[in-house]
Each structure stands twice: as C-alpha cells, then as structure tokens.
Amino acid sequence: MVQPQAFPGQARNPFAEDPAAVYQGAAYAPSGYMPFPILTREMVLAKVRGPALILQITGGVFLLTGLALPLLLVSQEVQNDAFGLTMVLILAPVVLAIGAFTLFCGLRMKALRSYGLVLTSVVLLMIAGFLVCPLLALPGVWPFIVLVDPGVRASFGGNRPD
C-alpha cells in the first residue's frame, strides 16, 4: 500500500506506519454502544419528582390501611373467627412497617439519597402488591424504571458534580 506523502509543514501522522497502533490502549466498546447521557442534578430531580411522590402517596395509603386494620377487631365476626383475628394482628404491623418504610424511601428518593434503600423499598412494594393483588404492584413500576436509569443511579448520594 502506498502511503500518501505529507505536504511541507504538515505534521506527520504517527499512526500511518502501523494502522493497528490506533487501537492500542483504546477501551473496548461493543458495536452500537452508546454511553448514558450525563444528567445535571436539576434534570435528575425533575425526573424523580413524580416517582418519589408516588412512593410517598403509596406509603401514606399503606400507613392509613395499617392503622385502620385494628378497627376490624370491633366486629363480632372477626372476634369469633380465630383465623381472621390472627390475620388482623399479623397484617396490621406488617402493613404499617411497609407503609412507613415506603414513605421514608419516597422522601429519600426525592433528596437523591440512599439508592439501595430506595430500590429495596420499590421491590418490596411490588412484591407486597403482587401478593395481595397484581394491581397493587403498579405504583412500584414507574419508580423502578426511573431508578434503573444509569443517569439517575449515578446522581444518587450527592457525589456527582453539577
């Protein structure tokens, strides 16, 4: 192969002699690889605002449900049914705990703190929803989709410069 001659005063291409030298030290990137876009803190805060609000509302509903479950103990039917009584006494604290945890994690998500804790809360919310009724798992879908976004994940913890 004939190498083109450099014009007088033109810088010499160091890779002209060895075309493979271009790839030496280059990081491997599969074909079609596109790095995730860099998001500013304001962009990420705008992106998590809605899902965090969904988590807070869902946590509040769970808290209210957990507080209302003991009211079933007033009913004579529940008092006479051992299984119903046991279920109310077990479910009330569990629903209260899930509600408080989800509400807290919604606040953490809004502040872009505690990524692992927020993701755990969303997964727990989805599992609890699927156990009761698959429709109750829907409030966890949008927060989950936003949390697995690499640009959002990189912004958690406040270690990212603006």
Protein backbone atom coordinates (compact mmCIF):
# COMPACT_ATOMS: atom_id res chain seq x y z
CA MET A 1 0.00 0.00 0.00
CA VAL A 2 1.34 3.38 -0.98
CA GLN A 3 1.50 5.92 1.84
CA PRO A 4 0.43 9.47 0.93
CA GLN A 5 3.22 11.97 1.08
CA ALA A 6 2.97 14.71 3.69
CA PHE A 7 2.92 18.27 2.46
CA PRO A 8 5.77 20.51 3.59
CA GLY A 9 4.98 21.87 7.06
CA GLN A 10 2.24 19.27 7.70
CA ALA A 11 2.51 17.25 10.90
CA ARG A 12 3.42 13.62 10.41
CA ASN A 13 0.72 11.07 11.35
CA PRO A 14 2.28 8.73 13.95
CA PHE A 15 -0.25 6.02 13.10
CA ALA A 16 0.47 5.95 9.37
CA GLU A 17 3.22 3.34 9.68
CA ASP A 18 1.19 0.97 11.89
CA PRO A 19 -2.60 1.16 11.43
CA ALA A 20 -3.07 -1.21 14.38
CA ALA A 21 -1.45 1.38 16.65
CA VAL A 22 -4.69 3.35 16.55
CA TYR A 23 -6.36 0.66 18.64
CA GLN A 24 -3.58 0.24 21.17
CA GLY A 25 -4.76 1.34 24.57
CA ALA A 26 -8.27 2.10 23.34
CA ALA A 27 -11.00 0.92 25.69
CA TYR A 28 -13.18 -1.88 24.37
CA ALA A 29 -16.64 -0.76 23.39
CA PRO A 30 -19.08 -3.17 21.73
CA SER A 31 -20.57 -2.07 18.44
CA GLY A 32 -23.65 0.04 18.94
CA TYR A 33 -22.58 1.02 22.45
CA MET A 34 -23.91 4.40 23.49
CA PRO A 35 -22.89 5.73 26.90
CA PHE A 36 -25.71 7.07 29.03
CA PRO A 37 -26.26 10.80 28.80
CA ILE A 38 -24.86 12.93 31.58
CA LEU A 39 -27.73 14.47 33.51
CA THR A 40 -27.46 17.52 35.72
CA ARG A 41 -28.77 17.36 39.26
CA GLU A 42 -31.76 19.51 38.29
CA MET A 43 -32.63 17.12 35.44
CA VAL A 44 -32.45 14.13 37.76
CA LEU A 45 -34.51 15.88 40.44
CA ALA A 46 -37.18 16.62 37.84
CA LYS A 47 -37.07 13.00 36.71
CA VAL A 48 -37.53 11.52 40.21
CA ARG A 49 -40.12 14.03 41.46
CA GLY A 50 -43.14 12.07 40.17
CA PRO A 51 -42.00 8.58 41.19
CA ALA A 52 -40.96 9.83 44.63
CA LEU A 53 -44.41 11.36 45.08
CA ILE A 54 -45.98 8.04 44.05
CA LEU A 55 -43.90 6.29 46.72
CA GLN A 56 -44.93 8.84 49.35
CA ILE A 57 -48.63 8.56 48.50
CA THR A 58 -48.48 4.76 48.43
CA GLY A 59 -46.64 4.73 51.76
CA GLY A 60 -49.29 7.02 53.24
CA VAL A 61 -52.09 4.76 51.99
CA PHE A 62 -50.34 1.74 53.49
CA LEU A 63 -49.93 3.60 56.79
CA LEU A 64 -53.62 4.51 56.88
CA THR A 65 -54.58 0.94 56.00
CA GLY A 66 -52.33 -0.41 58.76
CA LEU A 67 -53.94 1.97 61.24
CA ALA A 68 -57.44 1.03 60.07
CA LEU A 69 -56.95 -2.75 60.23
CA PRO A 70 -57.27 -2.94 64.04
CA LEU A 71 -60.73 -1.39 63.68
CA LEU A 72 -61.82 -4.76 62.30
CA LEU A 73 -61.35 -6.16 65.81
CA VAL A 74 -64.51 -4.33 66.83
CA SER A 75 -66.53 -6.63 64.58
CA GLN A 76 -68.03 -9.69 66.28
CA GLU A 77 -67.35 -11.80 63.20
CA VAL A 78 -63.61 -11.16 63.39
CA GLN A 79 -63.56 -11.68 67.17
CA ASN A 80 -65.21 -15.09 66.81
CA ASP A 81 -63.01 -16.17 63.88
CA ALA A 82 -59.55 -17.23 65.07
CA PHE A 83 -58.05 -17.04 61.58
CA GLY A 84 -59.44 -13.53 60.95
CA LEU A 85 -58.21 -12.35 64.34
CA THR A 86 -54.74 -13.76 63.68
CA MET A 87 -54.59 -12.21 60.22
CA VAL A 88 -55.55 -8.77 61.53
CA LEU A 89 -53.00 -8.98 64.33
CA ILE A 90 -50.24 -10.07 61.89
CA LEU A 91 -51.14 -7.88 58.90
CA ALA A 92 -51.59 -4.59 60.76
CA PRO A 93 -47.95 -4.26 61.90
CA VAL A 94 -46.61 -5.57 58.57
CA VAL A 95 -48.67 -3.07 56.56
CA LEU A 96 -47.67 -0.27 58.95
CA ALA A 97 -43.99 -1.16 58.58
CA ILE A 98 -44.18 -1.33 54.77
CA GLY A 99 -46.05 1.98 54.69
CA ALA A 100 -43.58 3.77 56.93
CA PHE A 101 -40.61 2.34 55.01
CA THR A 102 -42.10 3.30 51.63
CA LEU A 103 -42.95 6.81 52.82
CA PHE A 104 -39.43 7.28 54.20
CA CYS A 105 -37.85 5.96 50.99
CA GLY A 106 -40.02 8.28 48.91
CA LEU A 107 -38.52 11.18 50.86
CA ARG A 108 -35.01 9.75 50.36
CA MET A 109 -35.64 9.39 46.63
CA LYS A 110 -36.75 12.99 46.37
CA ALA A 111 -33.47 14.03 48.05
CA LEU A 112 -31.40 11.65 45.83
CA ARG A 113 -30.08 9.73 48.83
CA SER A 114 -29.84 6.03 49.76
CA TYR A 115 -30.12 4.39 46.34
CA GLY A 116 -30.04 0.82 47.68
CA LEU A 117 -32.64 1.55 50.33
CA VAL A 118 -35.00 3.20 47.84
CA LEU A 119 -34.62 0.35 45.36
CA THR A 120 -35.27 -2.16 48.16
CA SER A 121 -38.43 -0.27 49.07
CA VAL A 122 -39.69 -0.30 45.48
CA VAL A 123 -39.04 -4.05 45.12
CA LEU A 124 -40.69 -4.73 48.49
CA LEU A 125 -43.68 -2.62 47.46
CA MET A 126 -44.01 -4.56 44.21
CA ILE A 127 -43.72 -7.94 45.95
CA ALA A 128 -46.28 -6.95 48.60
CA GLY A 129 -48.57 -5.70 45.85
CA PHE A 130 -48.29 -8.93 43.86
CA LEU A 131 -49.04 -11.00 46.97
CA VAL A 132 -52.30 -9.15 47.62
CA CYS A 133 -53.42 -8.16 44.13
CA PRO A 134 -51.28 -7.61 41.00
CA LEU A 135 -52.83 -4.17 40.50
CA LEU A 136 -51.34 -3.07 43.83
CA ALA A 137 -47.85 -3.61 42.40
CA LEU A 138 -48.38 -0.89 39.76
CA PRO A 139 -47.27 2.02 41.98
CA GLY A 140 -43.81 0.47 42.07
CA VAL A 141 -43.33 0.18 38.30
CA TRP A 142 -42.61 3.83 37.45
CA PRO A 143 -40.17 4.34 40.38
CA PHE A 144 -38.41 1.11 39.43
CA ILE A 145 -38.00 2.19 35.80
CA VAL A 146 -36.62 5.57 36.87
CA LEU A 147 -34.25 4.02 39.43
CA VAL A 148 -32.62 1.63 36.97
CA ASP A 149 -31.78 4.53 34.62
CA PRO A 150 -27.96 4.82 34.75
CA GLY A 151 -28.06 8.63 34.72
CA VAL A 152 -30.36 8.67 37.75
CA ARG A 153 -28.40 5.99 39.57
CA ALA A 154 -25.15 7.92 39.11
CA SER A 155 -26.71 11.00 40.70
CA PHE A 156 -27.67 9.33 43.98
CA GLY A 157 -25.53 10.06 47.00
CA GLY A 158 -24.62 13.62 46.08
CA ASN A 159 -21.15 12.64 44.90
CA ARG A 160 -21.70 13.96 41.40
CA PRO A 161 -20.62 17.49 40.49
CA ASP A 162 -23.05 19.80 38.73
